[in-house]
C-alpha atoms as a PDB file:
ATOM      1  CA  MET A   1      51.621  -3.418  58.974  1.00  0.00           C
ATOM      2  CA  ASP A   2      54.022  -5.361  60.091  1.00  0.00           C
ATOM      3  CA  PRO A   3      51.912  -8.238  62.540  1.00  0.00           C
ATOM      4  CA  GLU A   4      54.471  -6.419  65.250  1.00  0.00           C
ATOM      5  CA  LEU A   5      53.666  -3.245  64.962  1.00  0.00           C
ATOM      6  CA  GLU A   6      49.901  -3.583  64.460  1.00  0.00           C
ATOM      7  CA  ALA A   7      49.182  -5.038  68.171  1.00  0.00           C
ATOM      8  CA  PHE A   8      50.461  -1.641  69.429  1.00  0.00           C
ATOM      9  CA  ILE A   9      48.662   0.554  67.091  1.00  0.00           C
ATOM     10  CA  PRO A  10      45.577   1.033  69.973  1.00  0.00           C
ATOM     11  CA  LEU A  11      48.196   2.501  72.610  1.00  0.00           C
ATOM     12  CA  PHE A  12      49.465   5.210  70.365  1.00  0.00           C
ATOM     13  CA  PRO A  13      47.872   8.351  71.306  1.00  0.00           C
ATOM     14  CA  ARG A  14      45.666  10.017  68.581  1.00  0.00           C
ATOM     15  CA  ALA A  15      47.411  12.424  66.246  1.00  0.00           C
ATOM     16  CA  ASP A  16      45.846  15.674  67.088  1.00  0.00           C
ATOM     17  CA  LEU A  17      47.857  18.885  67.245  1.00  0.00           C
ATOM     18  CA  THR A  18      45.227  21.401  67.986  1.00  0.00           C
ATOM     19  CA  ASP A  19      46.432  22.025  71.282  1.00  0.00           C
ATOM     20  CA  PRO A  20      50.167  21.963  70.470  1.00  0.00           C
ATOM     21  CA  VAL A  21      50.919  23.266  73.747  1.00  0.00           C
ATOM     22  CA  ALA A  22      48.768  20.326  75.209  1.00  0.00           C
ATOM     23  CA  GLU A  23      50.247  17.952  73.492  1.00  0.00           C
ATOM     24  CA  ARG A  24      54.194  18.364  74.399  1.00  0.00           C
ATOM     25  CA  LYS A  25      53.074  16.867  77.608  1.00  0.00           C
ATOM     26  CA  ASN A  26      51.501  13.896  75.748  1.00  0.00           C
ATOM     27  CA  PHE A  27      54.709  13.468  74.002  1.00  0.00           C
ATOM     28  CA  ALA A  28      57.046  13.898  76.647  1.00  0.00           C
ATOM     29  CA  GLU A  29      55.384  10.468  78.623  1.00  0.00           C
ATOM     30  CA  LEU A  30      55.417   8.812  75.607  1.00  0.00           C
ATOM     31  CA  ALA A  31      59.314   9.223  75.196  1.00  0.00           C
ATOM     32  CA  ALA A  32      59.943   8.657  78.835  1.00  0.00           C
ATOM     33  CA  ALA A  33      57.760   5.184  78.478  1.00  0.00           C
ATOM     34  CA  ILE A  34      60.724   4.273  76.117  1.00  0.00           C
ATOM     35  CA  PRO A  35      63.279   2.049  77.987  1.00  0.00           C
ATOM     36  CA  ALA A  36      66.135   3.884  78.916  1.00  0.00           C
ATOM     37  CA  PRO A  37      69.468   3.356  76.383  1.00  0.00           C
ATOM     38  CA  ASP A  38      72.776   2.333  77.678  1.00  0.00           C
ATOM     39  CA  VAL A  39      75.584   5.852  77.806  1.00  0.00           C
ATOM     40  CA  THR A  40      78.075   3.861  79.907  1.00  0.00           C
ATOM     41  CA  ARG A  41      80.250   3.625  76.750  1.00  0.00           C
ATOM     42  CA  MET A  42      80.003   7.439  75.883  1.00  0.00           C
ATOM     43  CA  GLU A  43      80.252  10.946  77.490  1.00  0.00           C
ATOM     44  CA  VAL A  44      77.217  12.539  77.479  1.00  0.00           C
ATOM     45  CA  GLU A  45      77.680  16.927  77.818  1.00  0.00           C
ATOM     46  CA  ASP A  46      75.213  19.479  77.846  1.00  0.00           C
ATOM     47  CA  ARG A  47      76.087  22.777  76.864  1.00  0.00           C
ATOM     48  CA  MET A  48      74.509  25.893  75.512  1.00  0.00           C
ATOM     49  CA  VAL A  49      75.508  27.657  72.158  1.00  0.00           C
ATOM     50  CA  PRO A  50      75.635  31.368  71.713  1.00  0.00           C
ATOM     51  CA  ALA A  51      73.589  32.450  68.955  1.00  0.00           C
ATOM     52  CA  ASP A  52      71.152  35.430  68.407  1.00  0.00           C
ATOM     53  CA  VAL A  53      69.035  33.305  71.136  1.00  0.00           C
ATOM     54  CA  GLU A  54      71.354  30.824  72.944  1.00  0.00           C
ATOM     55  CA  VAL A  55      70.833  27.052  71.344  1.00  0.00           C
ATOM     56  CA  PRO A  56      70.831  24.173  73.962  1.00  0.00           C
ATOM     57  CA  VAL A  57      72.725  20.955  72.704  1.00  0.00           C
ATOM     58  CA  ARG A  58      73.354  17.684  74.032  1.00  0.00           C
ATOM     59  CA  ILE A  59      76.855  16.405  73.051  1.00  0.00           C
ATOM     60  CA  TYR A  60      77.123  12.209  73.034  1.00  0.00           C
ATOM     61  CA  ARG A  61      80.456  11.265  72.715  1.00  0.00           C
ATOM     62  CA  PRO A  62      81.203   7.590  72.366  1.00  0.00           C
ATOM     63  CA  HIS A  63      84.649   6.640  73.199  1.00  0.00           C
ATOM     64  CA  ARG A  64      86.712   6.739  70.136  1.00  0.00           C
ATOM     65  CA  ALA A  65      84.234   8.325  67.800  1.00  0.00           C
ATOM     66  CA  GLN A  66      85.142   9.329  64.320  1.00  0.00           C
ATOM     67  CA  GLY A  67      83.103  11.947  62.751  1.00  0.00           C
ATOM     68  CA  ALA A  68      79.983  14.077  64.133  1.00  0.00           C
ATOM     69  CA  THR A  69      76.541  14.606  63.378  1.00  0.00           C
ATOM     70  CA  VAL A  70      74.240  17.923  63.996  1.00  0.00           C
ATOM     71  CA  TRP A  71      70.600  16.295  64.851  1.00  0.00           C
ATOM     72  CA  LEU A  72      67.668  17.358  64.868  1.00  0.00           C
ATOM     73  CA  HIS A  73      64.533  15.623  66.998  1.00  0.00           C
ATOM     74  CA  GLY A  74      60.864  15.041  65.717  1.00  0.00           C
ATOM     75  CA  GLY A  75      57.762  15.999  67.092  1.00  0.00           C
ATOM     76  CA  GLY A  76      56.009  18.330  64.093  1.00  0.00           C
ATOM     77  CA  PHE A  77      58.354  21.270  64.414  1.00  0.00           C
ATOM     78  CA  VAL A  78      56.029  21.869  67.909  1.00  0.00           C
ATOM     79  CA  MET A  79      56.875  18.954  70.212  1.00  0.00           C
ATOM     80  CA  GLY A  80      60.219  17.971  71.722  1.00  0.00           C
ATOM     81  CA  ASP A  81      63.290  18.631  73.440  1.00  0.00           C
ATOM     82  CA  LEU A  82      66.980  16.998  74.071  1.00  0.00           C
ATOM     83  CA  ASP A  83      65.574  15.080  76.895  1.00  0.00           C
ATOM     84  CA  THR A  84      62.268  13.577  74.207  1.00  0.00           C
ATOM     85  CA  GLU A  85      65.249  13.051  72.047  1.00  0.00           C
ATOM     86  CA  HIS A  86      67.368  11.179  74.337  1.00  0.00           C
ATOM     87  CA  PRO A  87      66.762   7.508  74.049  1.00  0.00           C
ATOM     88  CA  TRP A  88      66.892   7.805  70.346  1.00  0.00           C
ATOM     89  CA  ALA A  89      70.331  10.415  70.171  1.00  0.00           C
ATOM     90  CA  ALA A  90      72.097   7.897  72.676  1.00  0.00           C
ATOM     91  CA  ARG A  91      70.955   4.643  70.607  1.00  0.00           C
ATOM     92  CA  LEU A  92      72.442   6.376  67.471  1.00  0.00           C
ATOM     93  CA  ALA A  93      75.506   7.646  68.951  1.00  0.00           C
ATOM     94  CA  ASP A  94      76.431   4.143  70.199  1.00  0.00           C
ATOM     95  CA  SER A  95      74.794   2.627  66.970  1.00  0.00           C
ATOM     96  CA  SER A  96      77.028   4.537  64.868  1.00  0.00           C
ATOM     97  CA  GLY A  97      80.284   4.816  66.920  1.00  0.00           C
ATOM     98  CA  THR A  98      79.863   8.951  66.220  1.00  0.00           C
ATOM     99  CA  VAL A  99      79.463  11.938  67.794  1.00  0.00           C
ATOM    100  CA  VAL A 100      75.628  13.076  68.168  1.00  0.00           C
ATOM    101  CA  ILE A 101      75.041  16.415  68.678  1.00  0.00           C
ATOM    102  CA  SER A 102      71.143  16.739  69.452  1.00  0.00           C
ATOM    103  CA  VAL A 103      69.753  19.975  69.485  1.00  0.00           C
ATOM    104  CA  GLY A 104      66.828  21.570  71.836  1.00  0.00           C
ATOM    105  CA  TYR A 105      65.412  24.201  68.826  1.00  0.00           C
ATOM    106  CA  ARG A 106      63.014  26.682  69.731  1.00  0.00           C
ATOM    107  CA  LEU A 107      59.217  25.124  68.303  1.00  0.00           C
ATOM    108  CA  ALA A 108      56.445  26.548  66.952  1.00  0.00           C
ATOM    109  CA  PRO A 109      53.524  28.173  67.174  1.00  0.00           C
ATOM    110  CA  GLU A 110      55.601  30.415  69.572  1.00  0.00           C
ATOM    111  CA  HIS A 111      58.470  30.646  67.598  1.00  0.00           C
ATOM    112  CA  ARG A 112      57.431  29.671  63.637  1.00  0.00           C
ATOM    113  CA  PHE A 113      59.988  29.299  60.569  1.00  0.00           C
ATOM    114  CA  PRO A 114      62.631  30.045  60.132  1.00  0.00           C
ATOM    115  CA  ALA A 115      63.498  29.663  64.325  1.00  0.00           C
ATOM    116  CA  ALA A 116      64.434  25.966  64.033  1.00  0.00           C
ATOM    117  CA  LEU A 117      66.000  26.745  60.693  1.00  0.00           C
ATOM    118  CA  ASN A 118      68.320  29.793  62.608  1.00  0.00           C
ATOM    119  CA  ASP A 119      69.261  27.431  65.763  1.00  0.00           C
ATOM    120  CA  ALA A 120      69.798  24.430  63.638  1.00  0.00           C
ATOM    121  CA  TYR A 121      71.813  26.042  61.551  1.00  0.00           C
ATOM    122  CA  ALA A 122      73.863  28.450  64.267  1.00  0.00           C
ATOM    123  CA  VAL A 123      74.878  24.447  65.757  1.00  0.00           C
ATOM    124  CA  LEU A 124      76.268  23.459  62.615  1.00  0.00           C
ATOM    125  CA  VAL A 125      78.445  26.612  62.302  1.00  0.00           C
ATOM    126  CA  TRP A 126      79.394  26.451  65.957  1.00  0.00           C
ATOM    127  CA  ALA A 127      80.455  22.743  65.595  1.00  0.00           C
ATOM    128  CA  ALA A 128      82.470  23.366  62.671  1.00  0.00           C
ATOM    129  CA  GLU A 129      83.937  26.524  64.050  1.00  0.00           C
ATOM    130  CA  HIS A 130      84.887  24.931  66.917  1.00  0.00           C
ATOM    131  CA  ALA A 131      85.512  21.763  65.568  1.00  0.00           C
ATOM    132  CA  ALA A 132      89.143  21.077  67.342  1.00  0.00           C
ATOM    133  CA  GLU A 133      87.777  22.606  70.825  1.00  0.00           C
ATOM    134  CA  LEU A 134      84.969  19.817  70.025  1.00  0.00           C
ATOM    135  CA  GLY A 135      87.491  16.950  69.424  1.00  0.00           C
ATOM    136  CA  LEU A 136      85.531  16.684  66.099  1.00  0.00           C
ATOM    137  CA  ASP A 137      86.814  16.455  62.518  1.00  0.00           C
ATOM    138  CA  ALA A 138      85.865  19.821  60.752  1.00  0.00           C
ATOM    139  CA  GLY A 139      85.421  17.783  57.336  1.00  0.00           C
ATOM    140  CA  ARG A 140      83.243  14.936  59.026  1.00  0.00           C
ATOM    141  CA  ILE A 141      80.188  16.847  59.761  1.00  0.00           C
ATOM    142  CA  ALA A 142      76.604  15.445  59.019  1.00  0.00           C
ATOM    143  CA  VAL A 143      73.372  16.436  59.515  1.00  0.00           C
ATOM    144  CA  GLY A 144      70.191  14.530  60.526  1.00  0.00           C
ATOM    145  CA  GLY A 145      67.253  14.132  62.129  1.00  0.00           C
ATOM    146  CA  HIS A 146      63.761  12.609  61.858  1.00  0.00           C
ATOM    147  CA  SER A 147      60.339  13.604  60.832  1.00  0.00           C
ATOM    148  CA  ALA A 148      60.015  17.323  61.123  1.00  0.00           C
ATOM    149  CA  GLY A 149      63.871  17.602  62.443  1.00  0.00           C
ATOM    150  CA  ALA A 150      64.877  15.422  58.982  1.00  0.00           C
ATOM    151  CA  ALA A 151      63.116  18.566  57.235  1.00  0.00           C
ATOM    152  CA  ILE A 152      65.080  21.176  59.056  1.00  0.00           C
ATOM    153  CA  ALA A 153      68.406  19.155  58.427  1.00  0.00           C
ATOM    154  CA  THR A 154      67.267  19.180  54.667  1.00  0.00           C
ATOM    155  CA  ALA A 155      67.367  23.063  55.090  1.00  0.00           C
ATOM    156  CA  VAL A 156      70.109  23.513  56.568  1.00  0.00           C
ATOM    157  CA  ALA A 157      71.833  21.432  53.830  1.00  0.00           C
ATOM    158  CA  LEU A 158      70.380  23.764  51.236  1.00  0.00           C
ATOM    159  CA  ARG A 159      71.473  26.651  53.107  1.00  0.00           C
ATOM    160  CA  ALA A 160      74.359  25.594  53.522  1.00  0.00           C
ATOM    161  CA  ARG A 161      75.108  25.100  50.330  1.00  0.00           C
ATOM    162  CA  ASP A 162      73.332  28.413  49.522  1.00  0.00           C
ATOM    163  CA  GLU A 163      75.403  30.483  51.658  1.00  0.00           C
ATOM    164  CA  ARG A 164      79.018  28.448  51.254  1.00  0.00           C
ATOM    165  CA  GLY A 165      78.576  27.693  55.096  1.00  0.00           C
ATOM    166  CA  PRO A 166      80.849  24.769  57.121  1.00  0.00           C
ATOM    167  CA  ARG A 167      81.051  21.530  54.780  1.00  0.00           C
ATOM    168  CA  ILE A 168      78.290  19.335  55.195  1.00  0.00           C
ATOM    169  CA  CYS A 169      79.754  15.675  53.774  1.00  0.00           C
ATOM    170  CA  PHE A 170      76.622  13.474  54.776  1.00  0.00           C
ATOM    171  CA  GLN A 171      73.038  13.776  54.952  1.00  0.00           C
ATOM    172  CA  LEU A 172      70.506  11.289  57.470  1.00  0.00           C
ATOM    173  CA  LEU A 173      67.148  11.705  56.678  1.00  0.00           C
ATOM    174  CA  ASN A 174      64.757   9.642  58.806  1.00  0.00           C
ATOM    175  CA  GLN A 175      61.076   9.692  57.357  1.00  0.00           C
ATOM    176  CA  PRO A 176      61.402  13.686  56.599  1.00  0.00           C
ATOM    177  CA  GLY A 177      58.178  15.737  56.391  1.00  0.00           C
ATOM    178  CA  LEU A 178      59.331  17.921  53.012  1.00  0.00           C
ATOM    179  CA  ASP A 179      56.354  19.227  51.087  1.00  0.00           C
ATOM    180  CA  ASP A 180      53.426  21.660  52.689  1.00  0.00           C
ATOM    181  CA  ARG A 181      51.174  21.246  49.592  1.00  0.00           C
ATOM    182  CA  GLN A 182      49.973  17.609  50.202  1.00  0.00           C
ATOM    183  CA  GLU A 183      49.868  16.681  46.758  1.00  0.00           C
ATOM    184  CA  THR A 184      51.348  13.270  46.552  1.00  0.00           C
ATOM    185  CA  TRP A 185      49.269   9.910  46.474  1.00  0.00           C
ATOM    186  CA  SER A 186      49.998   9.155  50.205  1.00  0.00           C
ATOM    187  CA  ALA A 187      49.346  12.611  51.326  1.00  0.00           C
ATOM    188  CA  ARG A 188      46.135  12.375  50.316  1.00  0.00           C
ATOM    189  CA  GLN A 189      45.295   9.182  51.127  1.00  0.00           C
ATOM    190  CA  PHE A 190      46.706   8.100  54.894  1.00  0.00           C
ATOM    191  CA  THR A 191      43.850  10.041  56.160  1.00  0.00           C
ATOM    192  CA  ASP A 192      43.488   7.656  59.359  1.00  0.00           C
ATOM    193  CA  THR A 193      46.509   6.169  59.671  1.00  0.00           C
ATOM    194  CA  PRO A 194      48.682   5.712  62.983  1.00  0.00           C
ATOM    195  CA  TRP A 195      50.487   8.500  64.687  1.00  0.00           C
ATOM    196  CA  MET A 196      50.622  10.715  61.481  1.00  0.00           C
ATOM    197  CA  ASN A 197      47.977  11.262  59.277  1.00  0.00           C
ATOM    198  CA  ARG A 198      46.577  14.233  56.965  1.00  0.00           C
ATOM    199  CA  ASP A 199      45.055  16.440  59.313  1.00  0.00           C
ATOM    200  CA  LYS A 200      47.781  16.138  61.486  1.00  0.00           C
ATOM    201  CA  VAL A 201      50.255  17.131  58.913  1.00  0.00           C
ATOM    202  CA  THR A 202      47.950  20.451  57.967  1.00  0.00           C
ATOM    203  CA  ALA A 203      47.978  21.041  61.192  1.00  0.00           C
ATOM    204  CA  ILE A 204      51.670  20.769  61.287  1.00  0.00           C
ATOM    205  CA  TRP A 205      52.365  22.983  58.894  1.00  0.00           C
ATOM    206  CA  ARG A 206      50.067  25.886  59.744  1.00  0.00           C
ATOM    207  CA  HIS A 207      51.810  25.733  63.259  1.00  0.00           C
ATOM    208  CA  TYR A 208      55.134  26.040  61.647  1.00  0.00           C
ATOM    209  CA  LEU A 209      54.583  28.429  58.859  1.00  0.00           C
ATOM    210  CA  GLY A 210      51.436  30.718  60.194  1.00  0.00           C
ATOM    211  CA  PRO A 211      50.820  33.066  57.559  1.00  0.00           C
ATOM    212  CA  THR A 212      54.015  32.867  55.863  1.00  0.00           C
ATOM    213  CA  PRO A 213      53.980  31.520  52.660  1.00  0.00           C
ATOM    214  CA  ALA A 214      56.498  28.559  52.542  1.00  0.00           C
ATOM    215  CA  SER A 215      60.143  28.876  50.631  1.00  0.00           C
ATOM    216  CA  PRO A 216      62.375  25.916  50.249  1.00  0.00           C
ATOM    217  CA  TYR A 217      63.688  26.841  53.432  1.00  0.00           C
ATOM    218  CA  ALA A 218      60.223  25.566  55.568  1.00  0.00           C
ATOM    219  CA  ALA A 219      59.643  23.260  52.676  1.00  0.00           C
ATOM    220  CA  PRO A 220      62.226  21.447  50.869  1.00  0.00           C
ATOM    221  CA  ALA A 221      60.286  20.042  48.439  1.00  0.00           C
ATOM    222  CA  ARG A 222      59.641  23.619  46.974  1.00  0.00           C
ATOM    223  CA  ALA A 223      63.680  23.461  46.114  1.00  0.00           C
ATOM    224  CA  THR A 224      63.832  23.673  42.563  1.00  0.00           C
ATOM    225  CA  ASP A 225      68.144  22.792  42.046  1.00  0.00           C
ATOM    226  CA  LEU A 226      69.347  20.447  43.999  1.00  0.00           C
ATOM    227  CA  SER A 227      72.563  19.984  42.840  1.00  0.00           C
ATOM    228  CA  GLY A 228      75.667  20.005  45.001  1.00  0.00           C
ATOM    229  CA  LEU A 229      74.339  18.533  48.129  1.00  0.00           C
ATOM    230  CA  PRO A 230      75.822  16.288  50.142  1.00  0.00           C
ATOM    231  CA  PRO A 231      75.326  12.420  50.043  1.00  0.00           C
ATOM    232  CA  ALA A 232      71.957  10.985  51.744  1.00  0.00           C
ATOM    233  CA  TYR A 233      70.418   8.548  52.947  1.00  0.00           C
ATOM    234  CA  LEU A 234      67.104   8.968  53.584  1.00  0.00           C
ATOM    235  CA  THR A 235      63.938   6.299  55.224  1.00  0.00           C
ATOM    236  CA  THR A 236      60.140   6.258  54.290  1.00  0.00           C
ATOM    237  CA  ALA A 237      57.141   4.244  56.783  1.00  0.00           C
ATOM    238  CA  GLU A 238      54.738   2.719  54.094  1.00  0.00           C
ATOM    239  CA  PHE A 239      52.163   3.911  56.130  1.00  0.00           C
ATOM    240  CA  CYS A 240      53.108   7.594  55.908  1.00  0.00           C
ATOM    241  CA  PRO A 241      51.506  10.775  54.419  1.00  0.00           C
ATOM    242  CA  ASN A 242      55.264  12.197  54.410  1.00  0.00           C
ATOM    243  CA  ARG A 243      56.321   8.631  52.610  1.00  0.00           C
ATOM    244  CA  ASP A 244      55.391   9.954  48.535  1.00  0.00           C
ATOM    245  CA  GLU A 245      57.473  13.126  48.804  1.00  0.00           C
ATOM    246  CA  GLY A 246      60.480  11.368  50.646  1.00  0.00           C
ATOM    247  CA  ILE A 247      60.789   9.616  47.570  1.00  0.00           C
ATOM    248  CA  THR A 248      60.148  11.662  45.456  1.00  0.00           C
ATOM    249  CA  TYR A 249      63.100  14.171  47.167  1.00  0.00           C
ATOM    250  CA  ALA A 250      65.288  11.190  46.761  1.00  0.00           C
ATOM    251  CA  LEU A 251      64.696  10.567  42.748  1.00  0.00           C
ATOM    252  CA  ARG A 252      65.414  13.880  42.678  1.00  0.00           C
ATOM    253  CA  LEU A 253      68.365  13.954  44.114  1.00  0.00           C
ATOM    254  CA  LEU A 254      69.595  11.241  42.242  1.00  0.00           C
ATOM    255  CA  GLN A 255      68.449  12.894  39.197  1.00  0.00           C
ATOM    256  CA  ALA A 256      70.739  15.715  40.140  1.00  0.00           C
ATOM    257  CA  GLY A 257      73.691  13.886  40.638  1.00  0.00           C
ATOM    258  CA  VAL A 258      73.712  13.409  44.255  1.00  0.00           C
ATOM    259  CA  PRO A 259      74.412  10.409  45.853  1.00  0.00           C
ATOM    260  CA  VAL A 260      71.484   8.759  47.821  1.00  0.00           C
ATOM    261  CA  GLU A 261      70.490   5.477  49.568  1.00  0.00           C
ATOM    262  CA  LEU A 262      66.859   5.462  49.759  1.00  0.00           C
ATOM    263  CA  HIS A 263      64.827   2.868  52.312  1.00  0.00           C
ATOM    264  CA  GLN A 264      61.391   2.073  52.450  1.00  0.00           C
ATOM    265  CA  TRP A 265      60.373   0.293  55.306  1.00  0.00           C
ATOM    266  CA  ALA A 266      57.853  -2.437  54.657  1.00  0.00           C
ATOM    267  CA  GLY A 267      54.455  -2.750  56.732  1.00  0.00           C
ATOM    268  CA  THR A 268      56.212   0.075  58.768  1.00  0.00           C
ATOM    269  CA  PHE A 269      54.303   3.724  60.510  1.00  0.00           C
ATOM    270  CA  HIS A 270      55.710   7.150  60.874  1.00  0.00           C
ATOM    271  CA  GLY A 271      57.663   6.835  64.097  1.00  0.00           C
ATOM    272  CA  SER A 272      56.941   3.086  64.303  1.00  0.00           C
ATOM    273  CA  GLN A 273      60.440   2.590  65.688  1.00  0.00           C
ATOM    274  CA  ALA A 274      59.871   3.324  68.863  1.00  0.00           C
ATOM    275  CA  ILE A 275      58.063   0.159  69.418  1.00  0.00           C
ATOM    276  CA  LEU A 276      61.947  -1.090  70.103  1.00  0.00           C
ATOM    277  CA  SER A 277      60.539  -5.039  71.042  1.00  0.00           C
ATOM    278  CA  ALA A 278      59.138  -5.475  67.057  1.00  0.00           C
ATOM    279  CA  GLU A 279      62.217  -6.840  64.648  1.00  0.00           C
ATOM    280  CA  VAL A 280      61.725  -4.456  61.940  1.00  0.00           C
ATOM    281  CA  SER A 281      62.680  -1.278  64.271  1.00  0.00           C
ATOM    282  CA  GLN A 282      65.119  -3.291  65.651  1.00  0.00           C
ATOM    283  CA  ARG A 283      66.392  -3.090  62.013  1.00  0.00           C
ATOM    284  CA  GLN A 284      65.990   0.654  61.419  1.00  0.00           C
ATOM    285  CA  MET A 285      67.915   1.711  64.283  1.00  0.00           C
ATOM    286  CA  ALA A 286      70.582  -0.835  63.384  1.00  0.00           C
ATOM    287  CA  GLU A 287      70.617   0.283  59.618  1.00  0.00           C
ATOM    288  CA  LEU A 288      70.216   3.962  60.890  1.00  0.00           C
ATOM    289  CA  GLY A 289      73.651   3.391  62.823  1.00  0.00           C
ATOM    290  CA  ALA A 290      75.295   1.633  60.117  1.00  0.00           C
ATOM    291  CA  ALA A 291      74.700   4.471  57.448  1.00  0.00           C
ATOM    292  CA  LEU A 292      75.722   7.204  59.356  1.00  0.00           C
ATOM    293  CA  ARG A 293      78.698   4.998  60.251  1.00  0.00           C
ATOM    294  CA  ARG A 294      78.987   4.369  55.966  1.00  0.00           C
ATOM    295  CA  GLY A 295      78.669   8.334  55.611  1.00  0.00           C
ATOM    296  CA  LEU A 296      81.166   9.814  58.307  1.00  0.00           C
ATOM    297  CA  VAL A 297      83.548   7.374  58.458  1.00  0.00           C
ATOM    298  CA  GLY A 298      83.546   5.075  54.839  1.00  0.00           C
END
């Protein structure tokens, strides 16, 4: 474990999703403790995207921004919103110099799969169809997210390919949770790792899926064909149950002919980039911004 991160482990809340509604409050308090981002170099606007159910979004538009990303927050499919994601969405927009469209998708277990995916996909379609109005280049739209949000972003890319939907030029997948089966080495071994462990992963998938069998759009590791997907930048944390499924997915993308950058962050745990004072967290955030800029702008 990176020593700067290890010092903070006692301050992290226990990984428990027995009562997801109660945990939302703890998650919001944790996010509120993160230093506020500097938004003086961008415009921030809240909008409602018309769909079967209106979807709230927060748009971060840096001055002279190029390209845009439909961004999905983390929180195990059951926690998080536009406010908890604000520190990260704003920093990503600032460091990449690109527009970030943060999505307030519906949460499980009240709204199980495919509600979150439908919300995210509706925002992608809206962004592509209203690109001119939003000041975007319809040919430079990416999808991305952290943790559960990265899983949803991965599913959005699969669906857009399958349905011949809007063209996605890039995927930014930070520590994605992609496989409900929990059969990898890291999923079986990491039973007591900080913030994310095997029991919490089990609870996450139970809340998200309910009695519905997992499909590739719910758990993208189940997809059998990864050809024709957008180039990807995928990260994993060393001490994270999701680590090996992320690495395996990146390798499968490569084998399917999809350009991939894979960054395995040594000494980190799931979500440890929230510890902004750590040097490795600062490198992680800077690299996410740089990768997004490369993927959208070149």
